Amino acid sequence: MKPVTPSVLEDLNNRTENFNGIVVNSLDVISADIIKLTLSAQDRAKDFDWVGFEFEFSGIEDAILVENEKLKFIDTISLFFDSGSFCFSTDSYNDKNGIKNALCYIISKTLKFDYCEAHL
């Protein structure tokens, strides 16, 4: 997996139109300090073909998760860097404190990603 920096994250958001219209495939707790998110999104850099992304959040600061059965209802997420933390949430948020109103969110110290097979 590749480490994510704020500039890498900005590039991923641009390529996927801020992860709108995505398919969340899974959300797994690997350990008390690691959560893995797998999703599929259309990638502008690949002529909008569907691409799979696997994100690994570590150094978890705070998180509220939903059951995998509910993931199929999520089609918009926010993924951004704010105040020294990587932030993921359902729906559209752009600040670390705001995402705490989301149905599901993760705040972590580090983030890694890799490509995987897309699943629609």
C-alpha atoms as a PDB file:
ATOM      1  CA  MET A   1       0.000   0.000   0.000  1.00  0.00           C
ATOM      2  CA  LYS A   2       1.092   3.546  -0.723  1.00  0.00           C
ATOM      3  CA  PRO A   3       1.087   6.262   1.952  1.00  0.00           C
ATOM      4  CA  VAL A   4      -1.434   9.024   1.301  1.00  0.00           C
ATOM      5  CA  THR A   5      -0.347  12.638   1.640  1.00  0.00           C
ATOM      6  CA  PRO A   6      -2.695  15.624   1.451  1.00  0.00           C
ATOM      7  CA  SER A   7      -1.628  16.215  -2.180  1.00  0.00           C
ATOM      8  CA  VAL A   8      -2.219  12.554  -3.133  1.00  0.00           C
ATOM      9  CA  LEU A   9      -5.654  12.775  -1.509  1.00  0.00           C
ATOM     10  CA  GLU A  10      -6.456  15.950  -3.442  1.00  0.00           C
ATOM     11  CA  ASP A  11      -5.504  14.170  -6.676  1.00  0.00           C
ATOM     12  CA  LEU A  12      -7.716  11.166  -5.827  1.00  0.00           C
ATOM     13  CA  ASN A  13     -10.637  13.478  -5.059  1.00  0.00           C
ATOM     14  CA  ASN A  14     -10.172  15.281  -8.395  1.00  0.00           C
ATOM     15  CA  ARG A  15      -9.951  12.019 -10.322  1.00  0.00           C
ATOM     16  CA  THR A  16     -13.135  10.618  -8.761  1.00  0.00           C
ATOM     17  CA  GLU A  17     -15.157  13.854  -8.618  1.00  0.00           C
ATOM     18  CA  ASN A  18     -14.879  13.825  -4.814  1.00  0.00           C
ATOM     19  CA  PHE A  19     -15.999  10.208  -4.618  1.00  0.00           C
ATOM     20  CA  ASN A  20     -19.562  10.976  -5.719  1.00  0.00           C
ATOM     21  CA  GLY A  21     -21.580   8.102  -7.146  1.00  0.00           C
ATOM     22  CA  ILE A  22     -19.302   5.501  -5.583  1.00  0.00           C
ATOM     23  CA  VAL A  23     -20.022   1.962  -4.420  1.00  0.00           C
ATOM     24  CA  VAL A  24     -18.779   1.112  -0.940  1.00  0.00           C
ATOM     25  CA  ASN A  25     -17.812  -2.558  -1.034  1.00  0.00           C
ATOM     26  CA  SER A  26     -16.682  -3.189   2.537  1.00  0.00           C
ATOM     27  CA  LEU A  27     -15.708  -1.581   5.796  1.00  0.00           C
ATOM     28  CA  ASP A  28     -13.657  -3.874   8.027  1.00  0.00           C
ATOM     29  CA  VAL A  29     -12.106  -3.462  11.454  1.00  0.00           C
ATOM     30  CA  ILE A  30      -8.703  -5.116  11.174  1.00  0.00           C
ATOM     31  CA  SER A  31      -7.642  -4.255  14.728  1.00  0.00           C
ATOM     32  CA  ALA A  32      -8.417  -1.653  17.366  1.00  0.00           C
ATOM     33  CA  ASP A  33      -6.143   0.751  15.490  1.00  0.00           C
ATOM     34  CA  ILE A  34      -6.733  -0.183  11.816  1.00  0.00           C
ATOM     35  CA  ILE A  35      -9.868   0.053   9.648  1.00  0.00           C
ATOM     36  CA  LYS A  36      -9.981  -0.953   5.969  1.00  0.00           C
ATOM     37  CA  LEU A  37     -12.409   0.623   3.485  1.00  0.00           C
ATOM     38  CA  THR A  38     -12.872  -0.832   0.009  1.00  0.00           C
ATOM     39  CA  LEU A  39     -14.857   1.064  -2.610  1.00  0.00           C
ATOM     40  CA  SER A  40     -15.338   1.410  -6.351  1.00  0.00           C
ATOM     41  CA  ALA A  41     -15.409   4.745  -8.174  1.00  0.00           C
ATOM     42  CA  GLN A  42     -15.203   6.096 -11.678  1.00  0.00           C
ATOM     43  CA  ASP A  43     -11.701   7.384 -12.389  1.00  0.00           C
ATOM     44  CA  ARG A  44     -11.290  10.412 -14.655  1.00  0.00           C
ATOM     45  CA  ALA A  45      -7.656   9.418 -15.315  1.00  0.00           C
ATOM     46  CA  LYS A  46      -8.906   6.126 -16.804  1.00  0.00           C
ATOM     47  CA  ASP A  47     -11.669   7.525 -19.022  1.00  0.00           C
ATOM     48  CA  PHE A  48     -14.158   7.138 -16.172  1.00  0.00           C
ATOM     49  CA  ASP A  49     -13.761   3.375 -16.007  1.00  0.00           C
ATOM     50  CA  TRP A  50     -14.650   1.872 -12.644  1.00  0.00           C
ATOM     51  CA  VAL A  51     -11.620   1.346 -10.409  1.00  0.00           C
ATOM     52  CA  GLY A  52     -11.387  -0.284  -7.006  1.00  0.00           C
ATOM     53  CA  PHE A  53      -9.690   1.510  -4.125  1.00  0.00           C
ATOM     54  CA  GLU A  54      -8.582  -0.028  -0.859  1.00  0.00           C
ATOM     55  CA  PHE A  55      -7.915   2.444   1.956  1.00  0.00           C
ATOM     56  CA  GLU A  56      -6.276   1.567   5.257  1.00  0.00           C
ATOM     57  CA  PHE A  57      -6.824   4.005   8.114  1.00  0.00           C
ATOM     58  CA  SER A  58      -4.436   3.574  11.040  1.00  0.00           C
ATOM     59  CA  GLY A  59      -3.858   5.459  14.250  1.00  0.00           C
ATOM     60  CA  ILE A  60      -7.623   5.724  14.692  1.00  0.00           C
ATOM     61  CA  GLU A  61      -8.566   8.843  16.647  1.00  0.00           C
ATOM     62  CA  ASP A  62     -12.350   8.408  16.475  1.00  0.00           C
ATOM     63  CA  ALA A  63     -14.808   6.336  14.466  1.00  0.00           C
ATOM     64  CA  ILE A  64     -18.466   5.416  14.158  1.00  0.00           C
ATOM     65  CA  LEU A  65     -19.117   2.556  11.736  1.00  0.00           C
ATOM     66  CA  VAL A  66     -22.191   0.971  10.170  1.00  0.00           C
ATOM     67  CA  GLU A  67     -22.873  -2.669   9.423  1.00  0.00           C
ATOM     68  CA  ASN A  68     -21.723  -3.913   6.014  1.00  0.00           C
ATOM     69  CA  GLU A  69     -25.371  -4.579   5.044  1.00  0.00           C
ATOM     70  CA  LYS A  70     -26.016  -0.801   5.088  1.00  0.00           C
ATOM     71  CA  LEU A  71     -23.053   0.089   2.873  1.00  0.00           C
ATOM     72  CA  LYS A  72     -25.060  -0.481  -0.321  1.00  0.00           C
ATOM     73  CA  PHE A  73     -27.098   2.630   0.504  1.00  0.00           C
ATOM     74  CA  ILE A  74     -24.031   4.904   0.531  1.00  0.00           C
ATOM     75  CA  ASP A  75     -23.199   6.618  -2.753  1.00  0.00           C
ATOM     76  CA  THR A  76     -21.425   9.770  -1.571  1.00  0.00           C
ATOM     77  CA  ILE A  77     -18.521  10.059   0.823  1.00  0.00           C
ATOM     78  CA  SER A  78     -16.068  12.690   1.940  1.00  0.00           C
ATOM     79  CA  LEU A  79     -12.379  11.900   2.184  1.00  0.00           C
ATOM     80  CA  PHE A  80     -10.109  14.776   3.212  1.00  0.00           C
ATOM     81  CA  PHE A  81      -7.216  15.962   5.405  1.00  0.00           C
ATOM     82  CA  ASP A  82      -7.971  18.443   8.195  1.00  0.00           C
ATOM     83  CA  SER A  83      -6.045  19.566  11.284  1.00  0.00           C
ATOM     84  CA  GLY A  84      -3.409  16.860  10.932  1.00  0.00           C
ATOM     85  CA  SER A  85      -5.912  14.017  10.476  1.00  0.00           C
ATOM     86  CA  PHE A  86      -7.309  11.994   7.594  1.00  0.00           C
ATOM     87  CA  CYS A  87     -11.103  12.048   7.651  1.00  0.00           C
ATOM     88  CA  PHE A  88     -13.689   9.807   6.006  1.00  0.00           C
ATOM     89  CA  SER A  89     -17.449  10.205   6.306  1.00  0.00           C
ATOM     90  CA  THR A  90     -20.667   9.319   4.611  1.00  0.00           C
ATOM     91  CA  ASP A  91     -22.294  12.258   2.853  1.00  0.00           C
ATOM     92  CA  SER A  92     -20.590  15.584   2.076  1.00  0.00           C
ATOM     93  CA  TYR A  93     -18.528  17.144   4.830  1.00  0.00           C
ATOM     94  CA  ASN A  94     -15.344  19.192   4.699  1.00  0.00           C
ATOM     95  CA  ASP A  95     -14.168  19.586   8.289  1.00  0.00           C
ATOM     96  CA  LYS A  96     -13.075  17.242  11.053  1.00  0.00           C
ATOM     97  CA  ASN A  97     -15.710  18.355  13.561  1.00  0.00           C
ATOM     98  CA  GLY A  98     -18.578  18.380  11.058  1.00  0.00           C
ATOM     99  CA  ILE A  99     -18.190  14.721  10.144  1.00  0.00           C
ATOM    100  CA  LYS A 100     -19.188  13.736  13.666  1.00  0.00           C
ATOM    101  CA  ASN A 101     -22.770  14.392  12.501  1.00  0.00           C
ATOM    102  CA  ALA A 102     -22.430  11.714   9.815  1.00  0.00           C
ATOM    103  CA  LEU A 103     -23.961   8.264  10.046  1.00  0.00           C
ATOM    104  CA  CYS A 104     -20.472   6.770   9.613  1.00  0.00           C
ATOM    105  CA  TYR A 105     -17.044   8.366   9.968  1.00  0.00           C
ATOM    106  CA  ILE A 106     -13.365   7.628  10.603  1.00  0.00           C
ATOM    107  CA  ILE A 107     -10.674  10.031  11.808  1.00  0.00           C
ATOM    108  CA  SER A 108      -7.107   8.698  11.687  1.00  0.00           C
ATOM    109  CA  LYS A 109      -3.488   9.773  11.899  1.00  0.00           C
ATOM    110  CA  THR A 110      -2.363   7.931   8.758  1.00  0.00           C
ATOM    111  CA  LEU A 111      -3.902   6.670   5.554  1.00  0.00           C
ATOM    112  CA  LYS A 112      -2.629   4.274   2.887  1.00  0.00           C
ATOM    113  CA  PHE A 113      -4.230   3.153  -0.342  1.00  0.00           C
ATOM    114  CA  ASP A 114      -3.885   0.752  -3.197  1.00  0.00           C
ATOM    115  CA  TYR A 115      -5.898  -0.169  -6.268  1.00  0.00           C
ATOM    116  CA  CYS A 116      -7.971  -3.321  -6.321  1.00  0.00           C
ATOM    117  CA  GLU A 117     -10.639  -4.857  -8.524  1.00  0.00           C
ATOM    118  CA  ALA A 118     -13.813  -2.789  -8.819  1.00  0.00           C
ATOM    119  CA  HIS A 119     -17.035  -4.445  -7.628  1.00  0.00           C
ATOM    120  CA  LEU A 120     -20.358  -2.953  -8.678  1.00  0.00           C
END
